Amino acid sequence: MEKHDRNVVLMDPYQRDQEVQGRDQSHIGLPNRYVIKNDGNIKALNCLEAPNVTVRLERGLAVSVSSARKYPAGTIFLDGAAQGEPFLDHERPIYNLDHHEGCIRAFTLSTCEQAIVMLLKGLNLRNREWTIYANNPDLDTILAIWVLLNHLRLNDNEVIRKMIIPLIRLEGTIDSLGLECKDLCGFPPYLYQKTMKDIDDLRLNELAIKKEGRWEEIDFLEYTADTLRKIDQMVYHPNDFELFKGVEELARVEIADHRIAIVCRADIGIY
C-alpha cells in the first residue's frame, strides 16, 4: 500500500491480486443455493441463505408509481417493474430501484449500483419478509438480485465486496451511459479486461437467445437462477462454503411476541 494526500490508501494491482489470490477463476463444486418454488400458480426464486427474500420475475410487469407506493411493506421494485421515478420509502419500507423514468438518466446510478449502495448504506434485509419484483432479467437486474440475495455475505466479507463491485460498476456504467463511457470507471487495463470478459461471459446466453428470437419464450426465473450461479462461480471460492448447510425453509408462521416457527428441510430430514 502507498499513502497519498488526504489519507487515501490506494491498492496497487499486485496487492489486489494477492488479496484475491485463487479467486479470479470459475470454481466447480459450489453449492446450488438458488431454488425456484411454486406458490399456487406463482413461481418465485429464493436463495437458501436468504429465505425471507423472495424474487418474482413477471414478464411485462408494469406497476404505476402510485400503485407501487401502496404495495405491502417490504417490497423492492427493480429496473422498470414500477413505471416512474426511483424512490425510497423508509417508513413502509418500499423501494423503487430504477434509472429510466422520472430522473436524469445520465446522473442516476443503474439498478445494480443502487442495490449495492443501499446495502452498504445500511439496508437491513434480515428483519422482515421481502419481495423483489422485476420484469426482465437483463444483467443489470440480475446483478441487483444477486446483491440482495447475497446481502449477508456482502455485509460480512470485504473480499467478496471487492470481487463483485468492479463487475457492478462496469455493467452499471455500460447500462446507463453506454460502452463509450467505460473510462468513467477509472479501471486499470488489467481490471477492465477481466471485468469486461466476465460481462461478456454472463451475457453470452442472453445474446444467443435473443438472436434466435426466443427471449419472450424462455422461463425468466430459470434463466435468472442459472445466471446467478454463474456469478457465484466468478465471485466465490469453495472455501467460502465450508460452513454452508443446505437447509431449505418450507414455511414460517408467527406464534407470539415476535417469535416465529419455521419448518425446514435438509438432507437428513424435515424439522
C-alpha atoms as a PDB file:
ATOM      1  CA  MET A   1       0.000   0.000   0.000  1.00  0.00           C
ATOM      2  CA  GLU A   2       1.184   3.530  -0.669  1.00  0.00           C
ATOM      3  CA  LYS A   3      -0.300   6.547   1.062  1.00  0.00           C
ATOM      4  CA  HIS A   4      -1.247   9.747  -0.691  1.00  0.00           C
ATOM      5  CA  ASP A   5      -2.616  13.097   0.414  1.00  0.00           C
ATOM      6  CA  ARG A   6      -5.959  13.275   2.258  1.00  0.00           C
ATOM      7  CA  ASN A   7      -5.233   9.909   3.881  1.00  0.00           C
ATOM      8  CA  VAL A   8      -6.374   7.982   0.811  1.00  0.00           C
ATOM      9  CA  VAL A   9      -4.933   4.472   0.646  1.00  0.00           C
ATOM     10  CA  LEU A  10      -4.502   3.017  -2.830  1.00  0.00           C
ATOM     11  CA  MET A  11      -4.060  -0.645  -3.636  1.00  0.00           C
ATOM     12  CA  ASP A  12      -1.692  -1.458  -6.490  1.00  0.00           C
ATOM     13  CA  PRO A  13      -2.509  -4.346  -8.873  1.00  0.00           C
ATOM     14  CA  TYR A  14      -0.077  -6.766  -7.223  1.00  0.00           C
ATOM     15  CA  GLN A  15      -1.549  -6.187  -3.767  1.00  0.00           C
ATOM     16  CA  ARG A  16      -5.076  -6.643  -5.048  1.00  0.00           C
ATOM     17  CA  ASP A  17      -4.095  -9.877  -6.787  1.00  0.00           C
ATOM     18  CA  GLN A  18      -2.556 -11.122  -3.541  1.00  0.00           C
ATOM     19  CA  GLU A  19      -5.739 -10.331  -1.621  1.00  0.00           C
ATOM     20  CA  VAL A  20      -7.991 -12.204  -4.034  1.00  0.00           C
ATOM     21  CA  GLN A  21      -5.427 -14.856  -4.921  1.00  0.00           C
ATOM     22  CA  GLY A  22      -7.078 -18.032  -6.091  1.00  0.00           C
ATOM     23  CA  ARG A  23     -10.452 -16.344  -6.523  1.00  0.00           C
ATOM     24  CA  ASP A  24     -10.213 -14.848 -10.026  1.00  0.00           C
ATOM     25  CA  GLN A  25     -11.387 -18.013 -11.713  1.00  0.00           C
ATOM     26  CA  SER A  26     -14.521 -20.108 -12.048  1.00  0.00           C
ATOM     27  CA  HIS A  27     -14.951 -22.858  -9.494  1.00  0.00           C
ATOM     28  CA  ILE A  28     -16.868 -26.084  -9.693  1.00  0.00           C
ATOM     29  CA  GLY A  29     -18.307 -27.690  -6.619  1.00  0.00           C
ATOM     30  CA  LEU A  30     -20.093 -24.628  -5.288  1.00  0.00           C
ATOM     31  CA  PRO A  31     -23.465 -25.369  -3.662  1.00  0.00           C
ATOM     32  CA  ASN A  32     -26.644 -24.678  -5.598  1.00  0.00           C
ATOM     33  CA  ARG A  33     -28.207 -22.060  -3.327  1.00  0.00           C
ATOM     34  CA  TYR A  34     -30.903 -20.764  -5.687  1.00  0.00           C
ATOM     35  CA  VAL A  35     -34.223 -22.580  -5.719  1.00  0.00           C
ATOM     36  CA  ILE A  36     -37.467 -21.965  -7.587  1.00  0.00           C
ATOM     37  CA  LYS A  37     -40.709 -22.688  -5.763  1.00  0.00           C
ATOM     38  CA  ASN A  38     -44.328 -22.822  -6.804  1.00  0.00           C
ATOM     39  CA  ASP A  39     -46.762 -20.995  -4.543  1.00  0.00           C
ATOM     40  CA  GLY A  40     -50.081 -21.870  -6.104  1.00  0.00           C
ATOM     41  CA  ASN A  41     -49.837 -20.568  -9.646  1.00  0.00           C
ATOM     42  CA  ILE A  42     -46.988 -18.174  -8.784  1.00  0.00           C
ATOM     43  CA  LYS A  43     -43.358 -19.173  -9.213  1.00  0.00           C
ATOM     44  CA  ALA A  44     -40.708 -17.454  -7.142  1.00  0.00           C
ATOM     45  CA  LEU A  45     -36.973 -17.659  -6.606  1.00  0.00           C
ATOM     46  CA  ASN A  46     -35.154 -17.789  -3.272  1.00  0.00           C
ATOM     47  CA  CYS A  47     -31.622 -18.163  -2.008  1.00  0.00           C
ATOM     48  CA  LEU A  48     -31.190 -20.796   0.716  1.00  0.00           C
ATOM     49  CA  GLU A  49     -29.109 -18.310   2.690  1.00  0.00           C
ATOM     50  CA  ALA A  50     -31.775 -15.590   2.497  1.00  0.00           C
ATOM     51  CA  PRO A  51     -35.113 -17.454   2.636  1.00  0.00           C
ATOM     52  CA  ASN A  52     -37.020 -14.330   3.712  1.00  0.00           C
ATOM     53  CA  VAL A  53     -36.183 -12.590   0.402  1.00  0.00           C
ATOM     54  CA  THR A  54     -38.383 -13.728  -2.491  1.00  0.00           C
ATOM     55  CA  VAL A  55     -37.875 -12.803  -6.149  1.00  0.00           C
ATOM     56  CA  ARG A  56     -40.840 -12.618  -8.506  1.00  0.00           C
ATOM     57  CA  LEU A  57     -39.964 -12.067 -12.128  1.00  0.00           C
ATOM     58  CA  GLU A  58     -43.088 -11.396 -14.177  1.00  0.00           C
ATOM     59  CA  ARG A  59     -42.784 -10.767 -17.894  1.00  0.00           C
ATOM     60  CA  GLY A  60     -44.470  -7.464 -18.793  1.00  0.00           C
ATOM     61  CA  LEU A  61     -44.988  -6.330 -15.196  1.00  0.00           C
ATOM     62  CA  ALA A  62     -45.501  -2.557 -15.158  1.00  0.00           C
ATOM     63  CA  VAL A  63     -46.871  -1.069 -11.934  1.00  0.00           C
ATOM     64  CA  SER A  64     -47.617   2.656 -11.750  1.00  0.00           C
ATOM     65  CA  VAL A  65     -45.641   4.564  -9.141  1.00  0.00           C
ATOM     66  CA  SER A  66     -48.811   5.493  -7.269  1.00  0.00           C
ATOM     67  CA  SER A  67     -49.764   1.803  -7.075  1.00  0.00           C
ATOM     68  CA  ALA A  68     -46.206   0.782  -6.203  1.00  0.00           C
ATOM     69  CA  ARG A  69     -46.224   3.042  -3.165  1.00  0.00           C
ATOM     70  CA  LYS A  70     -49.286   1.139  -1.865  1.00  0.00           C
ATOM     71  CA  TYR A  71     -47.707  -2.311  -2.113  1.00  0.00           C
ATOM     72  CA  PRO A  72     -47.117  -4.263   1.121  1.00  0.00           C
ATOM     73  CA  ALA A  73     -44.225  -3.262   3.324  1.00  0.00           C
ATOM     74  CA  GLY A  74     -41.005  -4.990   2.340  1.00  0.00           C
ATOM     75  CA  THR A  75     -41.343  -4.553  -1.423  1.00  0.00           C
ATOM     76  CA  ILE A  76     -38.484  -3.721  -3.792  1.00  0.00           C
ATOM     77  CA  PHE A  77     -39.105  -2.944  -7.470  1.00  0.00           C
ATOM     78  CA  LEU A  78     -36.246  -3.296  -9.943  1.00  0.00           C
ATOM     79  CA  ASP A  79     -35.435  -1.643 -13.253  1.00  0.00           C
ATOM     80  CA  GLY A  80     -38.812  -0.732 -14.728  1.00  0.00           C
ATOM     81  CA  ALA A  81     -41.146  -3.027 -12.774  1.00  0.00           C
ATOM     82  CA  ALA A  82     -42.556   0.197 -11.293  1.00  0.00           C
ATOM     83  CA  GLN A  83     -43.088   2.750 -14.036  1.00  0.00           C
ATOM     84  CA  GLY A  84     -41.794   6.013 -12.643  1.00  0.00           C
ATOM     85  CA  GLU A  85     -39.117   7.792 -10.701  1.00  0.00           C
ATOM     86  CA  PRO A  86     -36.832   5.878  -8.319  1.00  0.00           C
ATOM     87  CA  PHE A  87     -37.905   6.338  -4.719  1.00  0.00           C
ATOM     88  CA  LEU A  88     -37.005   5.265  -1.185  1.00  0.00           C
ATOM     89  CA  ASP A  89     -39.831   4.967   1.333  1.00  0.00           C
ATOM     90  CA  HIS A  90     -38.012   4.004   4.515  1.00  0.00           C
ATOM     91  CA  GLU A  91     -41.109   4.171   6.707  1.00  0.00           C
ATOM     92  CA  ARG A  92     -43.099   1.415   4.999  1.00  0.00           C
ATOM     93  CA  PRO A  93     -40.470   0.301   3.647  1.00  0.00           C
ATOM     94  CA  ILE A  94     -40.885   0.193  -0.158  1.00  0.00           C
ATOM     95  CA  TYR A  95     -38.175   0.932  -2.709  1.00  0.00           C
ATOM     96  CA  ASN A  96     -38.046   1.507  -6.457  1.00  0.00           C
ATOM     97  CA  LEU A  97     -34.522   0.983  -7.788  1.00  0.00           C
ATOM     98  CA  ASP A  98     -34.708   2.302 -11.329  1.00  0.00           C
ATOM     99  CA  HIS A  99     -32.949   4.711 -13.679  1.00  0.00           C
ATOM    100  CA  HIS A 100     -35.282   5.004 -16.663  1.00  0.00           C
ATOM    101  CA  GLU A 101     -38.186   7.329 -15.865  1.00  0.00           C
ATOM    102  CA  GLY A 102     -38.645  10.384 -13.693  1.00  0.00           C
ATOM    103  CA  CYS A 103     -34.913  11.002 -13.369  1.00  0.00           C
ATOM    104  CA  ILE A 104     -31.957  12.418 -15.280  1.00  0.00           C
ATOM    105  CA  ARG A 105     -30.574   9.162 -16.633  1.00  0.00           C
ATOM    106  CA  ALA A 106     -27.024  10.429 -17.108  1.00  0.00           C
ATOM    107  CA  PHE A 107     -26.845  11.392 -13.424  1.00  0.00           C
ATOM    108  CA  THR A 108     -28.604   8.334 -11.972  1.00  0.00           C
ATOM    109  CA  LEU A 109     -26.933   5.088 -10.935  1.00  0.00           C
ATOM    110  CA  SER A 110     -28.023   1.865 -12.596  1.00  0.00           C
ATOM    111  CA  THR A 111     -30.266  -0.566 -10.726  1.00  0.00           C
ATOM    112  CA  CYS A 112     -27.450  -2.893  -9.645  1.00  0.00           C
ATOM    113  CA  GLU A 113     -25.397   0.064  -8.398  1.00  0.00           C
ATOM    114  CA  GLN A 114     -28.384   1.404  -6.457  1.00  0.00           C
ATOM    115  CA  ALA A 115     -28.771  -2.028  -4.835  1.00  0.00           C
ATOM    116  CA  ILE A 116     -25.161  -2.222  -3.626  1.00  0.00           C
ATOM    117  CA  VAL A 117     -25.243   1.397  -2.404  1.00  0.00           C
ATOM    118  CA  MET A 118     -28.442   0.710  -0.453  1.00  0.00           C
ATOM    119  CA  LEU A 119     -26.854  -2.344   1.140  1.00  0.00           C
ATOM    120  CA  LEU A 120     -23.622  -0.583   2.051  1.00  0.00           C
ATOM    121  CA  LYS A 121     -25.605   2.351   3.462  1.00  0.00           C
ATOM    122  CA  GLY A 122     -27.368   0.058   5.903  1.00  0.00           C
ATOM    123  CA  LEU A 123     -30.422  -1.513   4.246  1.00  0.00           C
ATOM    124  CA  ASN A 124     -31.469  -4.253   6.677  1.00  0.00           C
ATOM    125  CA  LEU A 125     -32.787  -7.283   4.821  1.00  0.00           C
ATOM    126  CA  ARG A 126     -32.745  -9.542   7.876  1.00  0.00           C
ATOM    127  CA  ASN A 127     -35.609  -8.012   9.803  1.00  0.00           C
ATOM    128  CA  ARG A 128     -38.698  -8.979   7.774  1.00  0.00           C
ATOM    129  CA  GLU A 129     -40.086 -10.722   4.697  1.00  0.00           C
ATOM    130  CA  TRP A 130     -39.080  -9.013   1.441  1.00  0.00           C
ATOM    131  CA  THR A 131     -40.441  -9.406  -2.081  1.00  0.00           C
ATOM    132  CA  ILE A 132     -38.444  -8.273  -5.109  1.00  0.00           C
ATOM    133  CA  TYR A 133     -40.320  -7.569  -8.329  1.00  0.00           C
ATOM    134  CA  ALA A 134     -38.681  -7.472 -11.753  1.00  0.00           C
ATOM    135  CA  ASN A 135     -39.939  -7.805 -15.318  1.00  0.00           C
ATOM    136  CA  ASN A 136     -36.881  -8.554 -17.450  1.00  0.00           C
ATOM    137  CA  PRO A 137     -33.705 -10.445 -16.473  1.00  0.00           C
ATOM    138  CA  ASP A 138     -31.072  -8.311 -18.152  1.00  0.00           C
ATOM    139  CA  LEU A 139     -27.660  -8.289 -16.481  1.00  0.00           C
ATOM    140  CA  ASP A 140     -28.308  -5.036 -14.597  1.00  0.00           C
ATOM    141  CA  THR A 141     -31.402  -6.572 -12.992  1.00  0.00           C
ATOM    142  CA  ILE A 142     -29.771  -9.934 -12.269  1.00  0.00           C
ATOM    143  CA  LEU A 143     -26.785  -8.277 -10.593  1.00  0.00           C
ATOM    144  CA  ALA A 144     -29.191  -6.296  -8.390  1.00  0.00           C
ATOM    145  CA  ILE A 145     -30.951  -9.557  -7.475  1.00  0.00           C
ATOM    146  CA  TRP A 146     -27.596 -11.193  -6.713  1.00  0.00           C
ATOM    147  CA  VAL A 147     -26.655  -8.328  -4.396  1.00  0.00           C
ATOM    148  CA  LEU A 148     -29.940  -8.515  -2.476  1.00  0.00           C
ATOM    149  CA  LEU A 149     -29.894 -12.316  -2.163  1.00  0.00           C
ATOM    150  CA  ASN A 150     -26.239 -12.324  -1.064  1.00  0.00           C
ATOM    151  CA  HIS A 151     -26.616  -9.485   1.429  1.00  0.00           C
ATOM    152  CA  LEU A 152     -25.288 -11.496   4.373  1.00  0.00           C
ATOM    153  CA  ARG A 153     -22.012 -12.390   2.702  1.00  0.00           C
ATOM    154  CA  LEU A 154     -21.568  -8.923   1.193  1.00  0.00           C
ATOM    155  CA  ASN A 155     -22.008  -7.282   4.593  1.00  0.00           C
ATOM    156  CA  ASP A 156     -19.658  -9.684   6.340  1.00  0.00           C
ATOM    157  CA  ASN A 157     -16.855 -10.203   3.811  1.00  0.00           C
ATOM    158  CA  GLU A 158     -14.780  -7.361   2.377  1.00  0.00           C
ATOM    159  CA  VAL A 159     -13.051  -9.626  -0.152  1.00  0.00           C
ATOM    160  CA  ILE A 160     -16.407 -10.666  -1.629  1.00  0.00           C
ATOM    161  CA  ARG A 161     -17.309  -6.991  -1.996  1.00  0.00           C
ATOM    162  CA  LYS A 162     -14.032  -6.310  -3.798  1.00  0.00           C
ATOM    163  CA  MET A 163     -14.751  -9.197  -6.158  1.00  0.00           C
ATOM    164  CA  ILE A 164     -18.262  -8.111  -7.160  1.00  0.00           C
ATOM    165  CA  ILE A 165     -18.097  -4.295  -7.130  1.00  0.00           C
ATOM    166  CA  PRO A 166     -15.978  -3.935 -10.302  1.00  0.00           C
ATOM    167  CA  LEU A 167     -18.497  -6.094 -12.149  1.00  0.00           C
ATOM    168  CA  ILE A 168     -21.388  -3.996 -10.813  1.00  0.00           C
ATOM    169  CA  ARG A 169     -19.618  -0.718 -11.573  1.00  0.00           C
ATOM    170  CA  LEU A 170     -18.718  -1.546 -15.169  1.00  0.00           C
ATOM    171  CA  GLU A 171     -22.050  -3.138 -16.056  1.00  0.00           C
ATOM    172  CA  GLY A 172     -23.854  -0.231 -14.401  1.00  0.00           C
ATOM    173  CA  THR A 173     -21.885   2.330 -16.381  1.00  0.00           C
ATOM    174  CA  ILE A 174     -22.451   0.499 -19.659  1.00  0.00           C
ATOM    175  CA  ASP A 175     -26.165   0.007 -18.957  1.00  0.00           C
ATOM    176  CA  SER A 176     -26.735   3.646 -18.002  1.00  0.00           C
ATOM    177  CA  LEU A 177     -24.353   5.521 -20.268  1.00  0.00           C
ATOM    178  CA  GLY A 178     -23.107   3.156 -22.946  1.00  0.00           C
ATOM    179  CA  LEU A 179     -19.820   1.399 -23.609  1.00  0.00           C
ATOM    180  CA  GLU A 180     -18.242   4.654 -24.782  1.00  0.00           C
ATOM    181  CA  CYS A 181     -18.298   5.864 -21.160  1.00  0.00           C
ATOM    182  CA  LYS A 182     -16.458   2.855 -19.736  1.00  0.00           C
ATOM    183  CA  ASP A 183     -13.445   5.007 -18.824  1.00  0.00           C
ATOM    184  CA  LEU A 184     -15.530   6.720 -16.149  1.00  0.00           C
ATOM    185  CA  CYS A 185     -14.972   3.616 -14.037  1.00  0.00           C
ATOM    186  CA  GLY A 186     -11.278   4.512 -13.811  1.00  0.00           C
ATOM    187  CA  PHE A 187     -10.208   0.872 -14.093  1.00  0.00           C
ATOM    188  CA  PRO A 188      -6.597  -0.012 -14.909  1.00  0.00           C
ATOM    189  CA  PRO A 189      -6.318  -2.042 -18.133  1.00  0.00           C
ATOM    190  CA  TYR A 190      -5.966  -5.457 -16.462  1.00  0.00           C
ATOM    191  CA  LEU A 191      -9.097  -4.925 -14.349  1.00  0.00           C
ATOM    192  CA  TYR A 192     -11.146  -3.588 -17.243  1.00  0.00           C
ATOM    193  CA  GLN A 193     -10.194  -6.539 -19.466  1.00  0.00           C
ATOM    194  CA  LYS A 194     -11.039  -9.116 -16.790  1.00  0.00           C
ATOM    195  CA  THR A 195     -14.324  -7.467 -15.829  1.00  0.00           C
ATOM    196  CA  MET A 196     -15.379  -6.981 -19.458  1.00  0.00           C
ATOM    197  CA  LYS A 197     -14.698 -10.673 -20.105  1.00  0.00           C
ATOM    198  CA  ASP A 198     -16.911 -11.577 -17.121  1.00  0.00           C
ATOM    199  CA  ILE A 199     -19.708  -9.386 -18.507  1.00  0.00           C
ATOM    200  CA  ASP A 200     -19.367 -10.956 -21.949  1.00  0.00           C
ATOM    201  CA  ASP A 201     -19.490 -14.446 -20.435  1.00  0.00           C
ATOM    202  CA  LEU A 202     -22.577 -13.616 -18.378  1.00  0.00           C
ATOM    203  CA  ARG A 203     -24.386 -12.151 -21.405  1.00  0.00           C
ATOM    204  CA  LEU A 204     -23.437 -14.935 -23.812  1.00  0.00           C
ATOM    205  CA  ASN A 205     -26.667 -16.916 -23.355  1.00  0.00           C
ATOM    206  CA  GLU A 206     -28.828 -13.787 -23.380  1.00  0.00           C
ATOM    207  CA  LEU A 207     -27.426 -12.622 -26.699  1.00  0.00           C
ATOM    208  CA  ALA A 208     -27.714 -16.089 -28.258  1.00  0.00           C
ATOM    209  CA  ILE A 209     -31.331 -16.498 -27.117  1.00  0.00           C
ATOM    210  CA  LYS A 210     -32.287 -13.051 -28.402  1.00  0.00           C
ATOM    211  CA  LYS A 211     -30.569 -13.731 -31.726  1.00  0.00           C
ATOM    212  CA  GLU A 212     -32.688 -16.866 -32.076  1.00  0.00           C
ATOM    213  CA  GLY A 213     -35.835 -14.875 -31.233  1.00  0.00           C
ATOM    214  CA  ARG A 214     -36.630 -16.958 -28.140  1.00  0.00           C
ATOM    215  CA  TRP A 215     -36.274 -14.336 -25.400  1.00  0.00           C
ATOM    216  CA  GLU A 216     -40.034 -13.962 -24.902  1.00  0.00           C
ATOM    217  CA  GLU A 217     -40.446 -17.750 -24.686  1.00  0.00           C
ATOM    218  CA  ILE A 218     -37.885 -18.718 -22.047  1.00  0.00           C
ATOM    219  CA  ASP A 219     -38.575 -19.207 -18.342  1.00  0.00           C
ATOM    220  CA  PHE A 220     -37.207 -15.961 -16.861  1.00  0.00           C
ATOM    221  CA  LEU A 221     -36.766 -17.425 -13.376  1.00  0.00           C
ATOM    222  CA  GLU A 222     -34.812 -20.446 -14.623  1.00  0.00           C
ATOM    223  CA  TYR A 223     -32.612 -18.155 -16.706  1.00  0.00           C
ATOM    224  CA  THR A 224     -32.063 -15.856 -13.713  1.00  0.00           C
ATOM    225  CA  ALA A 225     -31.162 -18.727 -11.371  1.00  0.00           C
ATOM    226  CA  ASP A 226     -28.668 -20.066 -13.917  1.00  0.00           C
ATOM    227  CA  THR A 227     -27.019 -16.639 -14.277  1.00  0.00           C
ATOM    228  CA  LEU A 228     -26.886 -16.174 -10.501  1.00  0.00           C
ATOM    229  CA  ARG A 229     -24.966 -19.446 -10.265  1.00  0.00           C
ATOM    230  CA  LYS A 230     -22.515 -18.218 -12.895  1.00  0.00           C
ATOM    231  CA  ILE A 231     -21.921 -15.044 -10.869  1.00  0.00           C
ATOM    232  CA  ASP A 232     -21.281 -17.240  -7.823  1.00  0.00           C
ATOM    233  CA  GLN A 233     -18.585 -19.073  -9.781  1.00  0.00           C
ATOM    234  CA  MET A 234     -16.877 -15.778 -10.591  1.00  0.00           C
ATOM    235  CA  VAL A 235     -17.009 -14.428  -7.041  1.00  0.00           C
ATOM    236  CA  TYR A 236     -16.856 -17.296  -4.564  1.00  0.00           C
ATOM    237  CA  HIS A 237     -14.329 -19.956  -3.686  1.00  0.00           C
ATOM    238  CA  PRO A 238     -15.362 -23.397  -2.357  1.00  0.00           C
ATOM    239  CA  ASN A 239     -13.759 -22.492   0.965  1.00  0.00           C
ATOM    240  CA  ASP A 240     -16.393 -19.766   1.375  1.00  0.00           C
ATOM    241  CA  PHE A 241     -18.974 -22.512   1.879  1.00  0.00           C
ATOM    242  CA  GLU A 242     -17.204 -24.731   4.393  1.00  0.00           C
ATOM    243  CA  LEU A 243     -19.925 -23.985   6.969  1.00  0.00           C
ATOM    244  CA  PHE A 244     -22.784 -23.906   4.470  1.00  0.00           C
ATOM    245  CA  LYS A 245     -25.727 -26.145   5.282  1.00  0.00           C
ATOM    246  CA  GLY A 246     -28.193 -26.904   2.517  1.00  0.00           C
ATOM    247  CA  VAL A 247     -31.242 -26.135   4.609  1.00  0.00           C
ATOM    248  CA  GLU A 248     -34.375 -25.098   2.719  1.00  0.00           C
ATOM    249  CA  GLU A 249     -37.096 -23.168   4.509  1.00  0.00           C
ATOM    250  CA  LEU A 250     -40.500 -24.678   3.705  1.00  0.00           C
ATOM    251  CA  ALA A 251     -42.772 -22.482   5.808  1.00  0.00           C
ATOM    252  CA  ARG A 252     -42.797 -19.981   8.670  1.00  0.00           C
ATOM    253  CA  VAL A 253     -45.510 -18.611  10.924  1.00  0.00           C
ATOM    254  CA  GLU A 254     -45.585 -16.013  13.688  1.00  0.00           C
ATOM    255  CA  ILE A 255     -46.560 -17.553  17.003  1.00  0.00           C
ATOM    256  CA  ALA A 256     -46.334 -14.799  19.658  1.00  0.00           C
ATOM    257  CA  ASP A 257     -44.279 -11.859  20.903  1.00  0.00           C
ATOM    258  CA  HIS A 258     -42.156 -11.509  17.746  1.00  0.00           C
ATOM    259  CA  ARG A 259     -41.376 -15.232  17.755  1.00  0.00           C
ATOM    260  CA  ILE A 260     -41.719 -17.442  14.714  1.00  0.00           C
ATOM    261  CA  ALA A 261     -41.811 -21.160  13.970  1.00  0.00           C
ATOM    262  CA  ILE A 262     -40.005 -22.376  10.862  1.00  0.00           C
ATOM    263  CA  VAL A 263     -40.253 -25.705   9.039  1.00  0.00           C
ATOM    264  CA  CYS A 264     -37.010 -26.588   7.266  1.00  0.00           C
ATOM    265  CA  ARG A 265     -35.839 -29.407   5.026  1.00  0.00           C
ATOM    266  CA  ALA A 266     -32.275 -30.716   4.931  1.00  0.00           C
ATOM    267  CA  ASP A 267     -30.581 -33.812   3.614  1.00  0.00           C
ATOM    268  CA  ILE A 268     -31.161 -35.580   6.932  1.00  0.00           C
ATOM    269  CA  GLY A 269     -34.848 -34.774   7.291  1.00  0.00           C
ATOM    270  CA  ILE A 270     -37.566 -32.189   7.879  1.00  0.00           C
ATOM    271  CA  TYR A 271     -37.652 -30.182  11.131  1.00  0.00           C
END
